[in-house]
């Protein structure tokens, strides 16, 4: 059964015409995964709509999963978008609901190599010369979550030291409980070093990231 309706496919196909270079979609699945089949089907439909979407499906126990640190939470689905110089754009959980828009925008941004971050934010990001891991906890119905996810992923696209993860809190409930998620979007920087909530503007977001590194 198709995930996208015919009308949705037409709209998505038109949007993805903005893609310029190939994006590798590395999708990791596991046997005890609730939404892996749906996530594979969704990405197969996207790959059929645009030749720049290069889908690779792997087991969560594969060498590729180790390379991308995809098995860290022990369950799928996990999706990593990558191209030359970019590998820190990650989705833990199916990118559905409100997050589907983030996913499409990320595909375009990784493909074009262009984010919407202004020069001031880019200058602040360029100062980060150590490893940073940003977790953005979301739920499918959260209207403010896609913006936070896109900002975090844009940071990962612009600075190779940054890894940014969307984590669907209901699918990865154990992880959400570990980090005390009570409202979304909740953002954690390098574990518990920094935590804040809300879809902050990029200049405030990067300030919070840098505070966590101090």
N, C-alpha and C. Protein backbone atom coordinates (compact mmCIF):
# COMPACT_ATOMS: atom_id res chain seq x y z
N UNK A 1 0.85 -1.20 0.00
CA UNK A 1 0.00 0.00 0.00
C UNK A 1 0.88 1.25 0.00
N UNK A 2 0.58 2.18 -0.89
CA UNK A 2 1.39 3.40 -1.02
C UNK A 2 1.27 4.27 0.22
N UNK A 3 2.38 4.91 0.57
CA UNK A 3 2.40 5.84 1.69
C UNK A 3 1.86 7.20 1.25
N UNK A 4 2.31 7.65 0.08
CA UNK A 4 1.92 8.95 -0.44
C UNK A 4 0.75 8.80 -1.43
N UNK A 5 -0.21 9.71 -1.33
CA UNK A 5 -1.29 9.73 -2.31
C UNK A 5 -0.75 10.25 -3.64
N UNK A 6 -1.53 10.09 -4.70
CA UNK A 6 -1.11 10.59 -6.00
C UNK A 6 -0.90 12.10 -5.99
N UNK A 7 -1.78 12.81 -5.29
CA UNK A 7 -1.63 14.26 -5.18
C UNK A 7 -0.36 14.61 -4.43
N UNK A 8 -0.08 13.89 -3.33
CA UNK A 8 1.14 14.13 -2.56
C UNK A 8 2.38 13.86 -3.42
N UNK A 9 2.33 12.79 -4.19
CA UNK A 9 3.48 12.46 -5.03
C UNK A 9 3.76 13.57 -6.04
N UNK A 10 2.71 14.14 -6.61
CA UNK A 10 2.90 15.22 -7.57
C UNK A 10 3.52 16.43 -6.91
N UNK A 11 3.03 16.75 -5.71
CA UNK A 11 3.57 17.91 -4.99
C UNK A 11 5.02 17.68 -4.58
N UNK A 12 5.32 16.48 -4.09
CA UNK A 12 6.69 16.17 -3.67
C UNK A 12 7.62 16.15 -4.87
N UNK A 13 7.17 15.57 -5.97
CA UNK A 13 8.00 15.53 -7.17
C UNK A 13 8.36 16.93 -7.64
N UNK A 14 7.40 17.84 -7.58
CA UNK A 14 7.67 19.23 -7.97
C UNK A 14 8.68 19.87 -7.03
N UNK A 15 8.55 19.59 -5.73
CA UNK A 15 9.46 20.18 -4.75
C UNK A 15 10.88 19.66 -4.94
N UNK A 16 11.02 18.37 -5.21
CA UNK A 16 12.34 17.76 -5.31
C UNK A 16 13.07 18.12 -6.61
N UNK A 17 12.40 18.83 -7.51
CA UNK A 17 13.12 19.30 -8.71
C UNK A 17 14.23 20.27 -8.34
N UNK A 18 14.21 20.79 -7.11
CA UNK A 18 15.28 21.68 -6.65
C UNK A 18 16.57 20.93 -6.36
N UNK A 19 16.52 19.61 -6.25
CA UNK A 19 17.74 18.84 -5.97
C UNK A 19 18.70 18.95 -7.15
N UNK A 20 20.01 19.00 -6.83
CA UNK A 20 21.02 19.17 -7.87
C UNK A 20 21.99 18.00 -7.94
N UNK A 21 22.42 17.49 -6.80
CA UNK A 21 23.38 16.38 -6.75
C UNK A 21 22.75 15.21 -6.02
N UNK A 22 23.35 14.04 -6.21
CA UNK A 22 22.81 12.83 -5.58
C UNK A 22 22.96 12.89 -4.06
N UNK A 23 21.96 12.39 -3.37
CA UNK A 23 21.98 12.23 -1.92
C UNK A 23 21.81 10.75 -1.61
N UNK A 24 22.73 10.20 -0.82
CA UNK A 24 22.61 8.82 -0.40
C UNK A 24 21.73 8.76 0.84
N UNK A 25 20.65 8.01 0.74
CA UNK A 25 19.75 7.78 1.87
C UNK A 25 20.07 6.40 2.43
N UNK A 26 20.81 6.36 3.53
CA UNK A 26 21.17 5.10 4.16
C UNK A 26 20.13 4.80 5.23
N UNK A 27 19.34 3.77 5.00
CA UNK A 27 18.23 3.44 5.88
C UNK A 27 18.53 2.12 6.59
N UNK A 28 18.46 2.16 7.91
CA UNK A 28 18.82 1.00 8.72
C UNK A 28 17.59 0.44 9.42
N UNK A 29 17.40 -0.86 9.26
CA UNK A 29 16.21 -1.52 9.80
C UNK A 29 16.62 -2.64 10.76
N UNK A 30 15.65 -3.05 11.58
CA UNK A 30 15.88 -4.14 12.52
C UNK A 30 14.61 -4.99 12.60
N UNK A 31 14.76 -6.20 13.11
CA UNK A 31 13.64 -7.14 13.14
C UNK A 31 12.50 -6.66 14.04
N UNK A 32 12.85 -6.02 15.15
CA UNK A 32 11.84 -5.61 16.13
C UNK A 32 11.43 -4.16 15.94
N UNK A 33 11.39 -3.72 14.70
CA UNK A 33 11.16 -2.32 14.37
C UNK A 33 9.70 -2.09 13.99
N UNK A 34 9.06 -1.13 14.64
CA UNK A 34 7.64 -0.90 14.42
C UNK A 34 7.34 -0.24 13.08
N UNK A 35 8.21 0.68 12.65
CA UNK A 35 7.89 1.46 11.45
C UNK A 35 8.93 1.32 10.34
N UNK A 36 9.72 0.26 10.38
CA UNK A 36 10.75 0.09 9.35
C UNK A 36 10.16 -0.13 7.97
N UNK A 37 9.15 -0.98 7.86
CA UNK A 37 8.56 -1.25 6.55
C UNK A 37 8.00 0.02 5.93
N UNK A 38 7.31 0.82 6.74
CA UNK A 38 6.72 2.07 6.25
C UNK A 38 7.82 3.06 5.83
N UNK A 39 8.92 3.08 6.59
CA UNK A 39 10.00 4.01 6.26
C UNK A 39 10.69 3.60 4.97
N UNK A 40 10.87 2.29 4.77
CA UNK A 40 11.44 1.81 3.51
C UNK A 40 10.51 2.17 2.35
N UNK A 41 9.22 1.92 2.51
CA UNK A 41 8.26 2.21 1.44
C UNK A 41 8.24 3.70 1.10
N UNK A 42 8.26 4.54 2.14
CA UNK A 42 8.27 5.99 1.91
C UNK A 42 9.47 6.40 1.09
N UNK A 43 10.65 5.90 1.44
CA UNK A 43 11.86 6.29 0.73
C UNK A 43 11.93 5.68 -0.66
N UNK A 44 11.35 4.50 -0.84
CA UNK A 44 11.27 3.93 -2.19
C UNK A 44 10.40 4.81 -3.08
N UNK A 45 9.33 5.35 -2.53
CA UNK A 45 8.47 6.23 -3.31
C UNK A 45 9.19 7.53 -3.65
N UNK A 46 9.99 8.06 -2.71
CA UNK A 46 10.75 9.28 -2.99
C UNK A 46 11.81 9.01 -4.05
N UNK A 47 12.49 7.85 -3.95
CA UNK A 47 13.52 7.52 -4.93
C UNK A 47 12.92 7.36 -6.33
N UNK A 48 11.67 6.90 -6.39
CA UNK A 48 11.01 6.76 -7.69
C UNK A 48 10.62 8.10 -8.29
N UNK A 49 10.53 9.11 -7.45
CA UNK A 49 10.12 10.44 -7.92
C UNK A 49 11.30 11.29 -8.37
N UNK A 50 12.52 10.96 -7.90
CA UNK A 50 13.68 11.78 -8.26
C UNK A 50 14.94 10.91 -8.28
N UNK A 51 15.67 10.95 -9.39
CA UNK A 51 16.86 10.12 -9.55
C UNK A 51 18.00 10.51 -8.63
N UNK A 52 17.93 11.70 -8.03
CA UNK A 52 18.99 12.13 -7.12
C UNK A 52 18.87 11.48 -5.73
N UNK A 53 17.76 10.80 -5.47
CA UNK A 53 17.58 10.10 -4.20
C UNK A 53 18.08 8.67 -4.37
N UNK A 54 19.23 8.38 -3.75
CA UNK A 54 19.88 7.08 -3.89
C UNK A 54 19.68 6.29 -2.60
N UNK A 55 18.73 5.39 -2.59
CA UNK A 55 18.35 4.66 -1.38
C UNK A 55 19.18 3.39 -1.22
N UNK A 56 19.73 3.24 -0.01
CA UNK A 56 20.44 2.02 0.38
C UNK A 56 19.85 1.53 1.69
N UNK A 57 19.36 0.29 1.71
CA UNK A 57 18.76 -0.27 2.91
C UNK A 57 19.72 -1.27 3.53
N UNK A 58 20.01 -1.09 4.82
CA UNK A 58 20.96 -1.93 5.53
C UNK A 58 20.33 -2.48 6.81
N UNK A 59 20.90 -3.56 7.29
CA UNK A 59 20.53 -4.08 8.60
C UNK A 59 21.21 -3.26 9.68
N UNK A 60 20.56 -3.15 10.82
CA UNK A 60 21.11 -2.34 11.91
C UNK A 60 22.40 -2.96 12.48
N UNK A 61 22.67 -4.20 12.14
CA UNK A 61 23.88 -4.86 12.61
C UNK A 61 24.98 -4.89 11.56
N UNK A 62 24.82 -4.14 10.50
CA UNK A 62 25.78 -4.14 9.39
C UNK A 62 26.98 -3.25 9.68
N UNK A 63 28.00 -3.39 8.86
CA UNK A 63 29.18 -2.51 8.97
C UNK A 63 28.80 -1.06 8.69
N UNK A 64 27.86 -0.88 7.77
CA UNK A 64 27.43 0.48 7.46
C UNK A 64 26.79 1.15 8.67
N UNK A 65 26.04 0.37 9.45
CA UNK A 65 25.41 0.91 10.66
C UNK A 65 26.48 1.36 11.65
N UNK A 66 27.54 0.59 11.75
CA UNK A 66 28.64 0.98 12.64
C UNK A 66 29.32 2.25 12.13
N UNK A 67 29.50 2.34 10.84
CA UNK A 67 30.14 3.51 10.24
C UNK A 67 29.37 4.79 10.56
N UNK A 68 28.04 4.73 10.49
CA UNK A 68 27.21 5.91 10.72
C UNK A 68 26.70 6.01 12.16
N UNK A 69 27.14 5.09 13.03
CA UNK A 69 26.68 5.08 14.43
C UNK A 69 25.17 5.02 14.50
N UNK A 70 24.59 4.16 13.66
CA UNK A 70 23.14 4.08 13.55
C UNK A 70 22.51 3.15 14.57
N UNK A 71 23.30 2.25 15.16
CA UNK A 71 22.76 1.23 16.06
C UNK A 71 22.85 1.64 17.52
N UNK A 72 23.14 2.89 17.79
CA UNK A 72 23.41 3.34 19.16
C UNK A 72 22.23 3.14 20.10
N UNK A 73 20.99 3.16 19.57
CA UNK A 73 19.81 2.98 20.42
C UNK A 73 19.18 1.60 20.26
N UNK A 74 19.78 0.77 19.41
CA UNK A 74 19.40 -0.63 19.34
C UNK A 74 18.17 -0.98 18.53
N UNK A 75 17.56 -0.01 17.88
CA UNK A 75 16.35 -0.28 17.12
C UNK A 75 16.24 0.70 15.96
N UNK A 76 15.55 0.31 14.90
CA UNK A 76 15.31 1.18 13.76
C UNK A 76 13.89 1.70 13.78
N UNK A 77 13.50 2.46 12.78
CA UNK A 77 14.31 2.82 11.63
C UNK A 77 15.24 4.00 11.92
N UNK A 78 16.39 3.97 11.26
CA UNK A 78 17.35 5.07 11.34
C UNK A 78 17.71 5.45 9.92
N UNK A 79 17.65 6.74 9.63
CA UNK A 79 17.95 7.22 8.28
C UNK A 79 19.05 8.27 8.36
N UNK A 80 20.05 8.11 7.51
CA UNK A 80 21.16 9.06 7.44
C UNK A 80 21.23 9.61 6.02
N UNK A 81 21.20 10.92 5.89
CA UNK A 81 21.34 11.57 4.59
C UNK A 81 22.78 12.01 4.44
N UNK A 82 23.40 11.66 3.32
CA UNK A 82 24.81 12.02 3.14
C UNK A 82 25.11 12.35 1.69
N UNK A 83 26.13 13.16 1.54
CA UNK A 83 26.69 13.48 0.23
C UNK A 83 28.15 13.83 0.51
N UNK A 84 28.83 14.32 -0.47
CA UNK A 84 30.24 14.65 -0.27
C UNK A 84 30.40 15.69 0.84
N UNK A 85 31.08 15.30 1.92
CA UNK A 85 31.35 16.22 3.03
C UNK A 85 30.25 16.32 4.06
N UNK A 86 29.13 15.62 3.86
CA UNK A 86 28.00 15.68 4.79
C UNK A 86 27.60 14.27 5.20
N UNK A 87 27.56 14.01 6.51
CA UNK A 87 27.12 12.69 6.98
C UNK A 87 26.46 12.77 8.36
N UNK A 88 26.24 13.98 8.85
CA UNK A 88 25.72 14.13 10.20
C UNK A 88 24.24 14.43 10.30
N UNK A 89 23.50 14.17 9.21
CA UNK A 89 22.07 14.45 9.18
C UNK A 89 21.32 13.13 9.41
N UNK A 90 20.74 12.98 10.60
CA UNK A 90 20.20 11.68 10.99
C UNK A 90 18.77 11.79 11.51
N UNK A 91 17.99 10.75 11.20
CA UNK A 91 16.61 10.63 11.67
C UNK A 91 16.46 9.29 12.39
N UNK A 92 16.14 9.34 13.66
CA UNK A 92 15.83 8.13 14.42
C UNK A 92 14.32 8.07 14.58
N UNK A 93 13.70 7.21 13.76
CA UNK A 93 12.24 7.16 13.70
C UNK A 93 11.78 7.57 12.31
N UNK A 94 10.57 7.20 11.97
CA UNK A 94 10.04 7.52 10.65
C UNK A 94 9.79 9.03 10.55
N UNK A 95 10.25 9.67 9.47
CA UNK A 95 10.03 11.11 9.30
C UNK A 95 8.64 11.38 8.76
N UNK A 96 7.65 11.20 9.60
CA UNK A 96 6.26 11.33 9.16
C UNK A 96 5.61 12.53 9.86
N UNK A 97 4.35 12.76 9.54
CA UNK A 97 3.64 13.88 10.15
C UNK A 97 4.33 15.19 9.82
N UNK A 98 4.45 16.04 10.83
CA UNK A 98 5.10 17.33 10.64
C UNK A 98 6.55 17.20 10.18
N UNK A 99 7.21 16.10 10.52
CA UNK A 99 8.62 15.94 10.21
C UNK A 99 8.87 15.62 8.74
N UNK A 100 7.84 15.27 8.01
CA UNK A 100 8.04 14.97 6.60
C UNK A 100 8.53 16.19 5.84
N UNK A 101 8.04 17.36 6.22
CA UNK A 101 8.49 18.59 5.57
C UNK A 101 9.97 18.83 5.83
N UNK A 102 10.42 18.57 7.07
CA UNK A 102 11.84 18.70 7.39
C UNK A 102 12.67 17.76 6.53
N UNK A 103 12.17 16.55 6.37
CA UNK A 103 12.90 15.54 5.62
C UNK A 103 13.10 15.97 4.16
N UNK A 104 12.05 16.47 3.56
CA UNK A 104 12.14 16.91 2.17
C UNK A 104 13.10 18.10 2.04
N UNK A 105 13.00 19.04 2.96
CA UNK A 105 13.90 20.20 2.92
C UNK A 105 15.35 19.78 3.14
N UNK A 106 15.56 18.79 3.99
CA UNK A 106 16.92 18.28 4.21
C UNK A 106 17.47 17.62 2.96
N UNK A 107 16.64 16.84 2.27
CA UNK A 107 17.08 16.23 1.02
C UNK A 107 17.55 17.30 0.03
N UNK A 108 16.79 18.36 -0.07
CA UNK A 108 17.15 19.44 -1.00
C UNK A 108 18.43 20.13 -0.54
N UNK A 109 18.53 20.44 0.75
CA UNK A 109 19.69 21.18 1.25
C UNK A 109 20.97 20.35 1.13
N UNK A 110 20.89 19.05 1.45
CA UNK A 110 22.08 18.21 1.30
C UNK A 110 22.47 18.10 -0.16
N UNK A 111 21.48 18.05 -1.05
CA UNK A 111 21.75 17.95 -2.47
C UNK A 111 22.37 19.21 -3.05
N UNK A 112 21.87 20.36 -2.64
CA UNK A 112 22.36 21.64 -3.19
C UNK A 112 23.57 22.18 -2.44
N UNK A 113 23.76 21.69 -1.21
CA UNK A 113 24.85 22.23 -0.39
C UNK A 113 24.55 23.61 0.14
N UNK A 114 23.29 23.98 0.15
CA UNK A 114 22.90 25.32 0.58
C UNK A 114 21.88 25.25 1.71
N UNK A 115 22.20 25.90 2.82
CA UNK A 115 21.25 26.06 3.91
C UNK A 115 20.78 27.51 3.93
N UNK A 116 19.82 27.77 4.81
CA UNK A 116 19.29 29.14 4.89
C UNK A 116 19.89 29.91 6.06
N UNK A 117 21.00 29.43 6.60
CA UNK A 117 21.65 30.12 7.71
C UNK A 117 22.33 31.40 7.22
N UNK A 118 22.20 32.47 8.01
CA UNK A 118 22.81 33.73 7.58
C UNK A 118 24.30 33.75 7.95
N UNK A 119 25.00 34.76 7.46
CA UNK A 119 26.45 34.82 7.61
C UNK A 119 26.88 34.87 9.07
N UNK A 120 26.10 35.57 9.90
CA UNK A 120 26.45 35.65 11.32
C UNK A 120 26.45 34.30 11.99
N UNK A 121 25.42 33.50 11.69
CA UNK A 121 25.33 32.15 12.26
C UNK A 121 26.45 31.27 11.71
N UNK A 122 26.74 31.40 10.42
CA UNK A 122 27.81 30.61 9.81
C UNK A 122 29.15 30.92 10.45
N UNK A 123 29.37 32.19 10.75
CA UNK A 123 30.62 32.58 11.41
C UNK A 123 30.72 31.96 12.80
N UNK A 124 29.60 31.95 13.54
CA UNK A 124 29.58 31.33 14.87
C UNK A 124 29.84 29.83 14.77
N UNK A 125 29.22 29.20 13.78
CA UNK A 125 29.41 27.75 13.59
C UNK A 125 30.86 27.42 13.24
N UNK A 126 31.48 28.28 12.45
CA UNK A 126 32.86 28.02 12.02
C UNK A 126 33.83 27.98 13.19
N UNK A 127 33.45 28.59 14.31
CA UNK A 127 34.31 28.60 15.49
C UNK A 127 34.32 27.25 16.21
N UNK A 128 33.36 26.39 15.91
CA UNK A 128 33.25 25.11 16.60
C UNK A 128 34.22 24.12 15.97
N UNK A 129 35.26 23.76 16.73
CA UNK A 129 36.29 22.87 16.21
C UNK A 129 36.41 21.58 17.03
N UNK A 130 35.34 21.24 17.75
CA UNK A 130 35.31 19.98 18.50
C UNK A 130 34.01 19.26 18.19
N UNK A 131 33.98 17.96 18.51
CA UNK A 131 32.80 17.16 18.19
C UNK A 131 31.58 17.62 18.99
N UNK A 132 30.47 17.74 18.28
CA UNK A 132 29.20 18.15 18.89
C UNK A 132 28.11 17.19 18.43
N UNK A 133 27.31 16.73 19.38
CA UNK A 133 26.16 15.88 19.05
C UNK A 133 24.90 16.57 19.55
N UNK A 134 24.01 16.87 18.62
CA UNK A 134 22.75 17.54 18.94
C UNK A 134 21.60 16.55 18.76
N UNK A 135 20.83 16.35 19.81
CA UNK A 135 19.63 15.53 19.75
C UNK A 135 18.42 16.44 19.79
N UNK A 136 17.50 16.26 18.86
CA UNK A 136 16.25 17.02 18.85
C UNK A 136 15.11 16.02 18.99
N UNK A 137 14.48 16.02 20.16
CA UNK A 137 13.36 15.12 20.41
C UNK A 137 12.07 15.74 19.87
N UNK A 138 11.31 14.94 19.13
CA UNK A 138 10.11 15.45 18.46
C UNK A 138 8.97 14.45 18.61
N UNK A 139 7.78 14.90 18.25
CA UNK A 139 6.63 14.02 18.04
C UNK A 139 6.02 14.40 16.69
N UNK A 140 5.30 13.48 16.04
CA UNK A 140 4.80 13.74 14.68
C UNK A 140 3.83 14.91 14.58
N UNK A 141 3.15 15.26 15.69
CA UNK A 141 2.13 16.31 15.62
C UNK A 141 2.63 17.65 16.13
N UNK A 142 3.90 17.74 16.48
CA UNK A 142 4.45 18.98 17.04
C UNK A 142 4.71 20.00 15.94
N UNK A 143 4.04 21.16 15.96
CA UNK A 143 4.22 22.13 14.88
C UNK A 143 5.54 22.89 14.94
N UNK A 144 6.17 22.92 16.12
CA UNK A 144 7.41 23.68 16.27
C UNK A 144 8.65 22.81 16.06
N UNK A 145 8.46 21.50 16.00
CA UNK A 145 9.60 20.58 15.92
C UNK A 145 10.35 20.63 14.58
N UNK A 146 9.65 20.70 13.43
CA UNK A 146 10.39 20.70 12.17
C UNK A 146 11.42 21.82 12.06
N UNK A 147 11.10 22.99 12.56
CA UNK A 147 12.05 24.10 12.49
C UNK A 147 13.30 23.81 13.29
N UNK A 148 13.14 23.23 14.49
CA UNK A 148 14.29 22.90 15.32
C UNK A 148 15.14 21.82 14.66
N UNK A 149 14.48 20.83 14.05
CA UNK A 149 15.21 19.77 13.36
C UNK A 149 16.00 20.34 12.19
N UNK A 150 15.38 21.20 11.40
CA UNK A 150 16.07 21.78 10.25
C UNK A 150 17.26 22.62 10.67
N UNK A 151 17.12 23.37 11.76
CA UNK A 151 18.24 24.17 12.24
C UNK A 151 19.40 23.28 12.65
N UNK A 152 19.11 22.25 13.45
CA UNK A 152 20.17 21.34 13.89
C UNK A 152 20.84 20.65 12.70
N UNK A 153 20.04 20.19 11.76
CA UNK A 153 20.60 19.52 10.59
C UNK A 153 21.39 20.50 9.72
N UNK A 154 20.96 21.74 9.66
CA UNK A 154 21.73 22.74 8.91
C UNK A 154 23.10 22.95 9.53
N UNK A 155 23.16 22.92 10.85
CA UNK A 155 24.46 23.02 11.52
C UNK A 155 25.36 21.87 11.11
N UNK A 156 24.79 20.66 11.03
CA UNK A 156 25.57 19.49 10.65
C UNK A 156 26.04 19.58 9.20
N UNK A 157 25.21 20.18 8.35
CA UNK A 157 25.62 20.34 6.95
C UNK A 157 26.76 21.34 6.80
N UNK A 158 26.76 22.36 7.65
CA UNK A 158 27.73 23.45 7.51
C UNK A 158 29.03 23.20 8.28
N UNK A 159 29.01 22.30 9.26
CA UNK A 159 30.20 22.03 10.06
C UNK A 159 30.33 20.52 10.27
N UNK A 160 31.38 19.93 9.75
CA UNK A 160 31.55 18.48 9.81
C UNK A 160 31.77 17.96 11.22
N UNK A 161 32.03 18.85 12.17
CA UNK A 161 32.18 18.43 13.57
C UNK A 161 30.83 18.18 14.25
N UNK A 162 29.75 18.59 13.60
CA UNK A 162 28.42 18.50 14.20
C UNK A 162 27.66 17.29 13.66
N UNK A 163 27.12 16.50 14.58
CA UNK A 163 26.19 15.42 14.26
C UNK A 163 24.83 15.82 14.84
N UNK A 164 23.78 15.76 14.04
CA UNK A 164 22.46 16.20 14.50
C UNK A 164 21.44 15.11 14.27
N UNK A 165 20.71 14.76 15.34
CA UNK A 165 19.76 13.67 15.29
C UNK A 165 18.35 14.15 15.58
N UNK A 166 17.41 13.83 14.71
CA UNK A 166 16.00 13.89 15.06
C UNK A 166 15.68 12.58 15.75
N UNK A 167 15.05 12.63 16.93
CA UNK A 167 14.66 11.42 17.65
C UNK A 167 13.16 11.50 17.92
N UNK A 168 12.41 10.58 17.33
CA UNK A 168 10.97 10.55 17.55
C UNK A 168 10.71 9.96 18.94
N UNK A 169 10.24 10.82 19.84
CA UNK A 169 10.20 10.49 21.26
C UNK A 169 9.28 9.32 21.58
N UNK A 170 8.21 9.15 20.82
CA UNK A 170 7.28 8.07 21.09
C UNK A 170 7.81 6.73 20.59
N UNK A 171 8.55 6.74 19.49
CA UNK A 171 9.15 5.51 18.98
C UNK A 171 10.39 5.11 19.76
N UNK A 172 11.14 6.10 20.24
CA UNK A 172 12.35 5.86 21.02
C UNK A 172 12.10 6.31 22.46
N UNK A 173 11.11 5.67 23.07
CA UNK A 173 10.64 6.09 24.38
C UNK A 173 11.71 5.94 25.47
N UNK A 174 12.51 4.88 25.39
CA UNK A 174 13.55 4.67 26.39
C UNK A 174 14.57 5.82 26.37
N UNK A 175 14.91 6.26 25.17
CA UNK A 175 15.87 7.36 25.04
C UNK A 175 15.24 8.65 25.57
N UNK A 176 13.98 8.88 25.22
CA UNK A 176 13.28 10.08 25.69
C UNK A 176 13.20 10.09 27.22
N UNK A 177 12.94 8.94 27.81
CA UNK A 177 12.87 8.87 29.27
C UNK A 177 14.24 9.11 29.89
N UNK A 178 15.27 8.59 29.25
CA UNK A 178 16.64 8.80 29.76
C UNK A 178 16.98 10.28 29.82
N UNK A 179 16.49 11.03 28.84
CA UNK A 179 16.80 12.46 28.78
C UNK A 179 15.69 13.32 29.38
N UNK A 180 14.74 12.69 30.03
CA UNK A 180 13.71 13.44 30.75
C UNK A 180 12.85 14.32 29.88
N UNK A 181 12.49 13.82 28.70
CA UNK A 181 11.71 14.64 27.78
C UNK A 181 10.29 14.79 28.29
N UNK A 182 9.89 16.04 28.49
CA UNK A 182 8.53 16.35 28.92
C UNK A 182 7.78 17.22 27.92
N UNK A 183 8.53 17.93 27.12
CA UNK A 183 7.94 18.77 26.08
C UNK A 183 8.85 18.76 24.87
N UNK A 184 8.27 18.97 23.70
CA UNK A 184 9.05 18.96 22.47
C UNK A 184 8.82 20.26 21.68
N UNK A 185 9.80 20.67 20.90
CA UNK A 185 11.09 20.02 20.72
C UNK A 185 12.02 20.25 21.92
N UNK A 186 12.59 19.17 22.43
CA UNK A 186 13.65 19.28 23.43
C UNK A 186 14.97 19.03 22.74
N UNK A 187 15.92 19.89 23.00
CA UNK A 187 17.24 19.78 22.37
C UNK A 187 18.28 19.49 23.44
N UNK A 188 19.08 18.48 23.21
CA UNK A 188 20.20 18.15 24.09
C UNK A 188 21.50 18.23 23.30
N UNK A 189 22.47 18.91 23.88
CA UNK A 189 23.77 19.07 23.24
C UNK A 189 24.81 18.28 24.04
N UNK A 190 25.47 17.36 23.36
CA UNK A 190 26.47 16.50 24.00
C UNK A 190 25.91 15.88 25.28
N UNK A 191 24.84 15.13 25.11
CA UNK A 191 24.23 14.46 26.26
C UNK A 191 23.47 15.44 27.12
N UNK A 192 23.91 15.56 28.36
CA UNK A 192 23.23 16.46 29.30
C UNK A 192 24.02 17.74 29.54
N UNK A 193 25.06 17.98 28.74
CA UNK A 193 25.84 19.21 28.93
C UNK A 193 25.00 20.46 28.69
N UNK A 194 24.11 20.37 27.72
CA UNK A 194 23.24 21.50 27.41
C UNK A 194 21.87 21.02 27.03
N UNK A 195 20.85 21.67 27.56
CA UNK A 195 19.47 21.27 27.24
C UNK A 195 18.59 22.51 27.19
N UNK A 196 17.75 22.58 26.16
CA UNK A 196 16.79 23.66 26.07
C UNK A 196 15.59 23.17 25.26
N UNK A 197 14.53 23.93 25.30
CA UNK A 197 13.29 23.52 24.65
C UNK A 197 12.80 24.64 23.75
N UNK A 198 12.29 24.25 22.60
CA UNK A 198 11.67 25.23 21.71
C UNK A 198 12.41 25.38 20.39
N UNK A 199 11.70 25.93 19.43
CA UNK A 199 12.27 26.19 18.11
C UNK A 199 12.92 27.56 18.12
N UNK A 200 14.14 27.61 18.64
CA UNK A 200 14.84 28.89 18.74
C UNK A 200 15.33 29.36 17.37
N UNK A 201 15.40 30.66 17.16
CA UNK A 201 16.02 31.16 15.93
C UNK A 201 17.47 30.66 15.86
N UNK A 202 18.01 30.48 14.66
CA UNK A 202 19.35 29.90 14.52
C UNK A 202 20.43 30.60 15.33
N UNK A 203 20.38 31.93 15.44
CA UNK A 203 21.44 32.62 16.19
C UNK A 203 21.37 32.32 17.67
N UNK A 204 20.16 32.12 18.21
CA UNK A 204 20.03 31.72 19.61
C UNK A 204 20.37 30.25 19.79
N UNK A 205 20.01 29.43 18.81
CA UNK A 205 20.30 28.00 18.84
C UNK A 205 21.82 27.78 18.91
N UNK A 206 22.57 28.45 18.04
CA UNK A 206 24.02 28.25 18.04
C UNK A 206 24.65 28.79 19.32
N UNK A 207 24.06 29.84 19.90
CA UNK A 207 24.56 30.34 21.19
C UNK A 207 24.40 29.28 22.27
N UNK A 208 23.26 28.58 22.27
CA UNK A 208 23.04 27.52 23.26
C UNK A 208 24.02 26.36 23.06
N UNK A 209 24.29 26.04 21.81
CA UNK A 209 25.26 24.98 21.52
C UNK A 209 26.63 25.36 22.05
N UNK A 210 27.04 26.58 21.83
CA UNK A 210 28.37 27.01 22.26
C UNK A 210 28.46 27.13 23.78
N UNK A 211 27.35 27.49 24.43
CA UNK A 211 27.33 27.50 25.89
C UNK A 211 27.58 26.10 26.45
N UNK A 212 27.00 25.10 25.80
CA UNK A 212 27.16 23.71 26.27
C UNK A 212 28.60 23.23 26.13
N UNK A 213 29.37 23.86 25.26
CA UNK A 213 30.75 23.44 25.04
C UNK A 213 31.74 24.12 25.98
N UNK A 214 31.25 25.09 26.72
CA UNK A 214 32.14 25.84 27.63
C UNK A 214 32.47 25.06 28.89
